[in-house]
Amino acid sequence: MNRIGYSIAFIFTAVFLLYLPILFEEEKALESMEDDSPLVPNYRAINLNSKLYDIEGKLSHQVAATKMEHYDELGFAVFDNPVYTLYLDNGDPWRVTADEGTLYSNNRIQLEKNVRIVNLQTDEFIKEISTEFIEINLENKTLSSDQVVNISGVDYQVRSIGLFGNLATQQYELSEHVQTQFNPKP
């Protein structure tokens, strides 16, 4: 290699070494900008267990989840394997479980995949509601779904596509009734 080749190699090496710190600073700036992104949770909780009380001091609902991520700027929290226990005004509890859940700032929760709503009172007409998606308003205890819904009790099972209901009043409206099976005990 001649002097011109060495000179060109030296210039490229010098330029590379001069710009190397600037390249690393830009990466650090991008990383810090990503941390402030609304897509990054403000906080996370593992094995969450929480109790919420109403204004009068009565237990309103309990929440447990294997993982929770809260996105303050976006206005929601995401749960893995949530277990909600809702207490009606008379104290009757309902347990709601799912694989995934999203709680919005207006006290509305959307639950997806393997959703089960179980009445923990033993003498009630409706024992369980199951579906793949449901939305529950935690304030007025109403629920709605546009998916296939199974409602079961002691001696019956009802299948519907879509449901609107109120856990407190025990009134339910089926959007599109599919099938009802009665299995009375002798």
Protein backbone atom coordinates (compact mmCIF):
# COMPACT_ATOMS: atom_id res chain seq x y z
CA MET A 1 0.00 0.00 0.00
CA ASN A 2 1.33 3.46 -0.85
CA ARG A 3 1.21 6.75 1.03
CA ILE A 4 -2.14 7.75 -0.48
CA GLY A 5 -3.73 4.49 0.72
CA TYR A 6 -2.36 4.99 4.24
CA SER A 7 -3.54 8.61 4.25
CA ILE A 8 -7.09 7.65 3.22
CA ALA A 9 -7.21 4.85 5.81
CA PHE A 10 -5.93 7.26 8.48
CA ILE A 11 -8.59 9.90 7.59
CA PHE A 12 -11.44 7.34 7.68
CA THR A 13 -10.21 5.98 11.02
CA ALA A 14 -9.94 9.50 12.49
CA VAL A 15 -13.44 10.45 11.30
CA PHE A 16 -14.87 7.20 12.68
CA LEU A 17 -13.22 7.74 16.07
CA LEU A 18 -14.48 11.35 16.19
CA TYR A 19 -18.10 10.37 15.45
CA LEU A 20 -18.17 7.26 17.64
CA PRO A 21 -19.07 9.15 20.89
CA ILE A 22 -21.81 11.07 19.06
CA LEU A 23 -23.39 7.81 17.88
CA PHE A 24 -23.50 6.44 21.43
CA GLU A 25 -25.02 9.69 22.80
CA GLU A 26 -27.86 9.51 20.25
CA GLU A 27 -28.65 5.94 21.33
CA LYS A 28 -28.78 7.01 24.98
CA ALA A 29 -31.07 9.92 24.09
CA LEU A 30 -33.38 7.56 22.21
CA GLU A 31 -33.45 5.16 25.16
CA SER A 32 -34.43 7.94 27.58
CA MET A 33 -37.14 9.13 25.17
CA GLU A 34 -38.52 5.57 25.02
CA ASP A 35 -38.77 5.45 28.82
CA ASP A 36 -41.11 8.48 28.74
CA SER A 37 -43.32 6.92 26.07
CA PRO A 38 -47.00 6.40 26.96
CA LEU A 39 -46.54 2.80 25.81
CA VAL A 40 -44.22 2.13 28.75
CA PRO A 41 -46.14 1.41 31.98
CA ASN A 42 -45.82 3.92 34.81
CA TYR A 43 -45.60 1.04 37.26
CA ARG A 44 -45.94 -2.72 37.45
CA ALA A 45 -47.12 -5.04 40.19
CA ILE A 46 -46.44 -8.75 40.49
CA ASN A 47 -48.86 -10.94 42.50
CA LEU A 48 -51.19 -8.01 43.09
CA ASN A 49 -53.74 -8.23 45.91
CA SER A 50 -55.91 -5.19 46.59
CA LYS A 51 -59.16 -4.32 48.37
CA LEU A 52 -61.29 -1.31 47.44
CA TYR A 53 -63.91 0.26 49.70
CA ASP A 54 -66.84 2.51 48.87
CA ILE A 55 -67.54 5.93 50.41
CA GLU A 56 -69.36 4.35 53.36
CA GLY A 57 -66.40 2.09 54.15
CA LYS A 58 -67.98 -1.15 52.89
CA LEU A 59 -65.85 -3.53 50.85
CA SER A 60 -66.71 -2.82 47.21
CA HIS A 61 -64.40 -5.27 45.44
CA GLN A 62 -61.15 -7.16 45.73
CA VAL A 63 -58.61 -7.57 42.96
CA ALA A 64 -55.88 -10.16 42.58
CA ALA A 65 -53.65 -10.73 39.54
CA THR A 66 -50.39 -12.40 38.68
CA LYS A 67 -49.23 -9.19 36.96
CA MET A 68 -50.57 -5.65 36.53
CA GLU A 69 -49.19 -2.80 34.41
CA HIS A 70 -50.60 0.71 34.83
CA TYR A 71 -50.47 3.20 31.94
CA ASP A 72 -51.37 6.53 33.55
CA GLU A 73 -51.19 8.66 30.39
CA LEU A 74 -53.37 6.23 28.44
CA GLY A 75 -55.85 5.85 31.31
CA PHE A 76 -55.91 2.09 31.85
CA ALA A 77 -54.28 -0.84 33.63
CA VAL A 78 -53.67 -4.29 32.12
CA PHE A 79 -53.95 -7.47 34.22
CA ASP A 80 -52.75 -11.03 33.68
CA ASN A 81 -55.01 -13.67 35.27
CA PRO A 82 -57.23 -11.19 37.13
CA VAL A 83 -59.57 -12.36 39.89
CA TYR A 84 -62.19 -9.78 40.85
CA THR A 85 -64.59 -10.29 43.72
CA LEU A 86 -67.47 -7.83 43.40
CA TYR A 87 -69.67 -7.15 46.43
CA LEU A 88 -73.20 -5.96 45.78
CA ASP A 89 -74.90 -3.41 48.06
CA ASN A 90 -76.45 -6.25 50.09
CA GLY A 91 -73.01 -7.86 50.49
CA ASP A 92 -73.57 -10.74 48.02
CA PRO A 93 -70.27 -11.58 46.30
CA TRP A 94 -69.58 -12.51 42.66
CA ARG A 95 -66.16 -13.79 41.59
CA VAL A 96 -64.94 -12.84 38.11
CA THR A 97 -61.89 -14.54 36.58
CA ALA A 98 -60.21 -14.34 33.17
CA ASP A 99 -56.87 -14.78 31.46
CA GLU A 100 -56.58 -11.06 30.59
CA GLY A 101 -58.24 -7.88 31.79
CA THR A 102 -58.09 -4.14 31.15
CA LEU A 103 -59.36 -1.66 33.75
CA TYR A 104 -60.16 1.82 32.44
CA SER A 105 -60.18 5.02 34.48
CA ASN A 106 -64.01 5.22 34.33
CA ASN A 107 -64.32 2.00 36.44
CA ARG A 108 -65.09 -0.17 33.44
CA ILE A 109 -63.23 -3.45 33.02
CA GLN A 110 -62.96 -5.58 29.90
CA LEU A 111 -62.13 -9.25 30.46
CA GLU A 112 -60.99 -11.66 27.76
CA LYS A 113 -60.27 -15.36 27.35
CA ASN A 114 -61.83 -17.94 29.67
CA VAL A 115 -64.06 -15.43 31.47
CA ARG A 116 -66.05 -16.93 34.35
CA ILE A 117 -68.45 -15.01 36.58
CA VAL A 118 -69.43 -17.15 39.55
CA ASN A 119 -72.16 -16.34 42.06
CA LEU A 120 -70.68 -17.15 45.48
CA GLN A 121 -74.15 -17.31 47.09
CA THR A 122 -75.33 -20.93 47.22
CA ASP A 123 -79.09 -20.40 46.89
CA GLU A 124 -79.21 -18.14 43.82
CA PHE A 125 -80.88 -18.96 40.47
CA ILE A 126 -77.82 -18.10 38.34
CA LYS A 127 -74.65 -19.87 39.41
CA GLU A 128 -72.20 -19.07 36.61
CA ILE A 129 -71.79 -17.00 33.45
CA SER A 130 -68.96 -17.90 31.07
CA THR A 131 -67.76 -16.32 27.82
CA GLU A 132 -64.61 -15.26 25.97
CA PHE A 133 -65.24 -11.50 26.37
CA ILE A 134 -67.27 -9.35 28.73
CA GLU A 135 -67.30 -5.73 29.86
CA ILE A 136 -68.31 -4.88 33.43
CA ASN A 137 -69.15 -1.50 34.87
CA LEU A 138 -67.83 -1.74 38.43
CA GLU A 139 -69.93 1.16 39.73
CA ASN A 140 -73.40 -0.05 38.79
CA LYS A 141 -72.47 -3.78 38.49
CA THR A 142 -73.76 -4.12 34.91
CA LEU A 143 -72.18 -6.41 32.36
CA SER A 144 -72.39 -6.80 28.60
CA SER A 145 -70.96 -9.06 25.93
CA ASP A 146 -71.41 -9.56 22.19
CA GLN A 147 -69.83 -13.02 22.25
CA VAL A 148 -71.23 -16.49 22.94
CA VAL A 149 -72.37 -16.57 26.58
CA ASN A 150 -73.26 -19.61 28.70
CA ILE A 151 -75.45 -19.08 31.76
CA SER A 152 -75.88 -22.01 34.12
CA GLY A 153 -77.82 -22.75 37.26
CA VAL A 154 -78.74 -25.81 39.29
CA ASP A 155 -81.05 -27.44 36.73
CA TYR A 156 -80.49 -25.53 33.51
CA GLN A 157 -78.04 -24.10 31.00
CA VAL A 158 -78.72 -21.21 28.59
CA ARG A 159 -76.57 -20.36 25.57
CA SER A 160 -76.81 -16.98 23.87
CA ILE A 161 -74.87 -14.73 21.56
CA GLY A 162 -74.69 -11.45 23.44
CA LEU A 163 -75.85 -10.48 26.91
CA PHE A 164 -76.67 -7.40 28.93
CA GLY A 165 -77.26 -7.84 32.63
CA ASN A 166 -77.25 -6.36 36.07
CA LEU A 167 -75.71 -8.42 38.86
CA ALA A 168 -77.48 -6.38 41.55
CA THR A 169 -81.02 -6.78 40.19
CA GLN A 170 -80.39 -10.25 38.69
CA GLN A 171 -82.02 -9.11 35.41
CA TYR A 172 -80.43 -10.31 32.18
CA GLU A 173 -81.28 -9.67 28.56
CA LEU A 174 -80.10 -12.11 25.91
CA SER A 175 -79.30 -10.56 22.55
CA GLU A 176 -79.71 -13.71 20.49
CA HIS A 177 -80.93 -16.78 22.35
CA VAL A 178 -79.42 -19.98 20.95
CA GLN A 179 -80.36 -22.85 23.24
CA THR A 180 -81.78 -23.68 26.67
CA GLN A 181 -81.44 -27.07 28.39
CA PHE A 182 -83.36 -28.06 31.48
CA ASN A 183 -82.11 -30.97 33.57
CA PRO A 184 -84.53 -31.23 36.48
CA LYS A 185 -83.57 -33.58 39.26
CA PRO A 186 -86.06 -36.38 40.01
